């Protein structure tokens, strides 16, 4: 488990209920939150080294189009 990247575990996870599996940006959002907690632990000297020191986040740009009037009316 130590040789895996943190995001590898999140991408392999299959939800048991109706939820969809995480996409790249959803997994990265969880990694960002975890990184904040690790930085807090570093600042409070609970841990001595940063496991995210060499990890680079890869957020993908998502192009979304605006909804049409017909799609907006269907939402209401």
C-alpha atoms as a PDB file:
ATOM      1  CA  UNK A   1       0.000   0.000   0.000  1.00  0.00           C
ATOM      2  CA  UNK A   2       2.898   2.385   0.653  1.00  0.00           C
ATOM      3  CA  UNK A   3       4.097   2.343  -2.958  1.00  0.00           C
ATOM      4  CA  UNK A   4       0.719   3.475  -4.348  1.00  0.00           C
ATOM      5  CA  UNK A   5      -0.236   7.051  -5.064  1.00  0.00           C
ATOM      6  CA  UNK A   6      -3.066   8.350  -2.824  1.00  0.00           C
ATOM      7  CA  UNK A   7      -5.357   8.936  -5.795  1.00  0.00           C
ATOM      8  CA  UNK A   8      -4.960   5.316  -7.000  1.00  0.00           C
ATOM      9  CA  UNK A   9      -7.009   4.005  -4.086  1.00  0.00           C
ATOM     10  CA  UNK A  10      -9.799   6.520  -4.690  1.00  0.00           C
ATOM     11  CA  UNK A  11     -10.037   5.736  -8.408  1.00  0.00           C
ATOM     12  CA  UNK A  12     -10.325   1.971  -7.771  1.00  0.00           C
ATOM     13  CA  UNK A  13     -13.094   2.315  -5.187  1.00  0.00           C
ATOM     14  CA  UNK A  14     -16.489   1.055  -6.396  1.00  0.00           C
ATOM     15  CA  UNK A  15     -19.480   2.393  -4.408  1.00  0.00           C
ATOM     16  CA  UNK A  16     -21.902  -0.262  -3.149  1.00  0.00           C
ATOM     17  CA  UNK A  17     -25.012   1.902  -3.421  1.00  0.00           C
ATOM     18  CA  UNK A  18     -26.410   4.081  -6.212  1.00  0.00           C
ATOM     19  CA  UNK A  19     -23.489   6.522  -6.349  1.00  0.00           C
ATOM     20  CA  UNK A  20     -21.208   6.793  -9.358  1.00  0.00           C
ATOM     21  CA  UNK A  21     -17.457   6.121  -9.001  1.00  0.00           C
ATOM     22  CA  UNK A  22     -15.221   9.157  -8.544  1.00  0.00           C
ATOM     23  CA  UNK A  23     -13.844  10.911 -11.585  1.00  0.00           C
ATOM     24  CA  UNK A  24     -10.411  12.526 -11.612  1.00  0.00           C
ATOM     25  CA  UNK A  25     -11.472  15.923 -10.257  1.00  0.00           C
ATOM     26  CA  UNK A  26     -13.655  14.393  -7.537  1.00  0.00           C
ATOM     27  CA  UNK A  27     -10.754  12.276  -6.339  1.00  0.00           C
ATOM     28  CA  UNK A  28      -8.399  15.247  -6.470  1.00  0.00           C
ATOM     29  CA  UNK A  29     -10.793  17.274  -4.304  1.00  0.00           C
ATOM     30  CA  UNK A  30     -10.557  14.577  -1.612  1.00  0.00           C
ATOM     31  CA  UNK A  31      -6.746  14.538  -1.945  1.00  0.00           C
ATOM     32  CA  UNK A  32      -6.683  18.347  -1.505  1.00  0.00           C
ATOM     33  CA  UNK A  33      -8.677  18.025   1.731  1.00  0.00           C
ATOM     34  CA  UNK A  34      -6.398  15.237   2.979  1.00  0.00           C
ATOM     35  CA  UNK A  35      -3.343  17.335   2.107  1.00  0.00           C
ATOM     36  CA  UNK A  36      -4.699  20.205   4.232  1.00  0.00           C
ATOM     37  CA  UNK A  37      -5.058  17.870   7.221  1.00  0.00           C
ATOM     38  CA  UNK A  38      -1.530  16.508   6.696  1.00  0.00           C
ATOM     39  CA  UNK A  39      -0.159  20.075   6.569  1.00  0.00           C
ATOM     40  CA  UNK A  40      -1.932  20.822   9.858  1.00  0.00           C
ATOM     41  CA  UNK A  41      -0.348  17.722  11.395  1.00  0.00           C
ATOM     42  CA  UNK A  42       3.060  18.893  10.138  1.00  0.00           C
ATOM     43  CA  UNK A  43       2.563  22.353  11.640  1.00  0.00           C
ATOM     44  CA  UNK A  44       1.524  20.845  14.973  1.00  0.00           C
ATOM     45  CA  UNK A  45       4.558  18.503  14.775  1.00  0.00           C
ATOM     46  CA  UNK A  46       2.407  15.367  14.979  1.00  0.00           C
ATOM     47  CA  UNK A  47       4.333  13.977  11.992  1.00  0.00           C
ATOM     48  CA  UNK A  48       7.916  14.680  10.922  1.00  0.00           C
ATOM     49  CA  UNK A  49       7.821  14.468   7.124  1.00  0.00           C
ATOM     50  CA  UNK A  50       5.354  15.403   4.394  1.00  0.00           C
ATOM     51  CA  UNK A  51       4.015  12.420   2.417  1.00  0.00           C
ATOM     52  CA  UNK A  52       2.732  14.847  -0.248  1.00  0.00           C
ATOM     53  CA  UNK A  53       6.113  16.547  -0.786  1.00  0.00           C
ATOM     54  CA  UNK A  54       6.616  15.065  -4.265  1.00  0.00           C
ATOM     55  CA  UNK A  55       2.973  14.532  -5.231  1.00  0.00           C
ATOM     56  CA  UNK A  56       1.580  16.869  -7.894  1.00  0.00           C
ATOM     57  CA  UNK A  57      -2.189  17.274  -8.231  1.00  0.00           C
ATOM     58  CA  UNK A  58      -3.580  16.900 -11.744  1.00  0.00           C
ATOM     59  CA  UNK A  59      -6.901  18.752 -12.039  1.00  0.00           C
ATOM     60  CA  UNK A  60      -8.503  18.301 -15.457  1.00  0.00           C
ATOM     61  CA  UNK A  61     -10.192  21.243 -17.166  1.00  0.00           C
ATOM     62  CA  UNK A  62     -13.860  20.465 -17.821  1.00  0.00           C
ATOM     63  CA  UNK A  63     -15.684  22.431 -20.513  1.00  0.00           C
ATOM     64  CA  UNK A  64     -19.391  22.656 -19.759  1.00  0.00           C
ATOM     65  CA  UNK A  65     -21.927  24.244 -22.023  1.00  0.00           C
ATOM     66  CA  UNK A  66     -24.809  26.396 -20.850  1.00  0.00           C
ATOM     67  CA  UNK A  67     -28.226  24.816 -20.564  1.00  0.00           C
ATOM     68  CA  UNK A  68     -30.737  25.682 -23.256  1.00  0.00           C
ATOM     69  CA  UNK A  69     -34.153  27.184 -22.487  1.00  0.00           C
ATOM     70  CA  UNK A  70     -35.728  23.781 -23.105  1.00  0.00           C
ATOM     71  CA  UNK A  71     -33.380  22.064 -20.635  1.00  0.00           C
ATOM     72  CA  UNK A  72     -33.973  24.773 -18.026  1.00  0.00           C
ATOM     73  CA  UNK A  73     -37.730  24.369 -18.376  1.00  0.00           C
ATOM     74  CA  UNK A  74     -37.410  20.585 -17.936  1.00  0.00           C
ATOM     75  CA  UNK A  75     -35.523  21.102 -14.639  1.00  0.00           C
ATOM     76  CA  UNK A  76     -38.427  23.026 -13.081  1.00  0.00           C
END
